[in-house]
Amino acid sequence: MFNELLPGVGMVGGFQVVEDLSMTEPGEPYEVRRSWKERLFSRPWRPMRATRTLVPQVPSRKVILFGQKIIAHPSVVKEIKRQLAG
């Protein structure tokens, strides 16, 4: 019933499960080489800085229990459903 009304909402074990894409956390930072175009035409102008650091967002493994609702990232919800089914 909930899947028809709202995408990302379902029932598991009597709990309403809400999938939230914003439940992420910072991953391991890594450096990327900057192109000459980026080095010369970006602000603030720092052409000698050859690399920049990127921090990817990875799915959070945390699960929030709020009354009869479970809020988690969709990959975590998929894993919970798989473990309960098998």
Protein backbone atom coordinates (compact mmCIF):
# COMPACT_ATOMS: atom_id res chain seq x y z
CA MET A 1 0.00 0.00 0.00
CA PHE A 2 2.73 2.50 0.92
CA ASN A 3 4.80 1.69 -2.17
CA GLU A 4 1.90 2.79 -4.38
CA LEU A 5 1.39 6.09 -2.56
CA LEU A 6 4.95 7.21 -1.91
CA PRO A 7 8.10 5.98 -3.66
CA GLY A 8 10.83 5.01 -1.21
CA VAL A 9 8.38 4.01 1.55
CA GLY A 10 7.51 0.43 2.47
CA MET A 11 6.73 -1.91 5.35
CA VAL A 12 9.17 -4.38 6.93
CA GLY A 13 8.31 -6.37 10.04
CA GLY A 14 5.56 -3.97 11.11
CA PHE A 15 7.79 -0.92 10.72
CA GLN A 16 7.31 1.75 8.07
CA VAL A 17 10.61 1.97 6.16
CA VAL A 18 11.59 5.30 4.59
CA GLU A 19 14.47 5.45 2.12
CA ASP A 20 16.39 8.72 2.31
CA LEU A 21 19.08 9.50 -0.30
CA SER A 22 20.48 12.30 1.82
CA MET A 23 21.75 9.87 4.49
CA THR A 24 25.39 9.98 3.41
CA GLU A 25 28.68 10.63 5.14
CA PRO A 26 32.04 11.89 3.85
CA GLY A 27 34.24 9.20 2.33
CA GLU A 28 38.00 8.97 1.98
CA PRO A 29 39.38 12.20 0.40
CA TYR A 30 41.52 11.92 -2.71
CA GLU A 31 43.46 14.33 -4.90
CA VAL A 32 42.77 15.08 -8.56
CA ARG A 33 45.05 16.91 -10.97
CA ARG A 34 43.69 20.26 -12.11
CA SER A 35 43.70 21.04 -15.83
CA TRP A 36 45.49 24.12 -17.13
CA LYS A 37 42.14 25.65 -18.00
CA GLU A 38 40.98 25.27 -14.40
CA ARG A 39 44.30 26.51 -13.04
CA LEU A 40 44.32 29.66 -15.19
CA PHE A 41 40.64 30.65 -15.24
CA SER A 42 39.33 29.79 -11.77
CA ARG A 43 38.82 32.10 -8.83
CA PRO A 44 40.69 32.65 -6.62
CA TRP A 45 43.54 32.61 -9.12
CA ARG A 46 46.10 30.03 -7.99
CA PRO A 47 47.82 28.65 -11.11
CA MET A 48 50.63 26.94 -9.19
CA ARG A 49 48.30 24.63 -7.25
CA ALA A 50 48.31 21.52 -9.45
CA THR A 51 45.86 19.34 -7.50
CA ARG A 52 42.57 19.69 -5.66
CA THR A 53 41.10 17.48 -2.99
CA LEU A 54 37.70 15.84 -3.48
CA VAL A 55 35.67 14.26 -0.70
CA PRO A 56 33.07 11.79 -2.05
CA GLN A 57 29.77 11.17 -0.28
CA VAL A 58 29.18 7.49 0.53
CA PRO A 59 26.00 5.85 1.91
CA SER A 60 25.74 6.01 5.68
CA ARG A 61 25.38 2.68 7.47
CA LYS A 62 23.34 4.33 10.23
CA VAL A 63 19.66 3.54 10.71
CA ILE A 64 17.33 5.97 12.47
CA LEU A 65 14.44 4.47 14.43
CA PHE A 66 11.73 7.09 14.96
CA GLY A 67 8.67 5.57 16.62
CA GLN A 68 7.36 3.00 14.12
CA LYS A 69 9.50 4.41 11.27
CA ILE A 70 12.91 3.22 10.12
CA ILE A 71 14.86 5.81 8.11
CA ALA A 72 17.94 4.67 6.17
CA HIS A 73 19.83 5.00 2.88
CA PRO A 74 18.27 2.90 0.05
CA SER A 75 21.30 0.56 -0.12
CA VAL A 76 20.96 -0.18 3.61
CA VAL A 77 17.19 -0.75 3.25
CA LYS A 78 17.86 -3.17 0.38
CA GLU A 79 20.35 -5.09 2.54
CA ILE A 80 17.89 -5.23 5.46
CA LYS A 81 15.13 -6.58 3.19
CA ARG A 82 17.51 -9.15 1.68
CA GLN A 83 18.60 -10.41 5.10
CA LEU A 84 15.03 -10.65 6.37
CA ALA A 85 13.87 -12.50 3.23
CA GLY A 86 16.61 -15.11 3.27
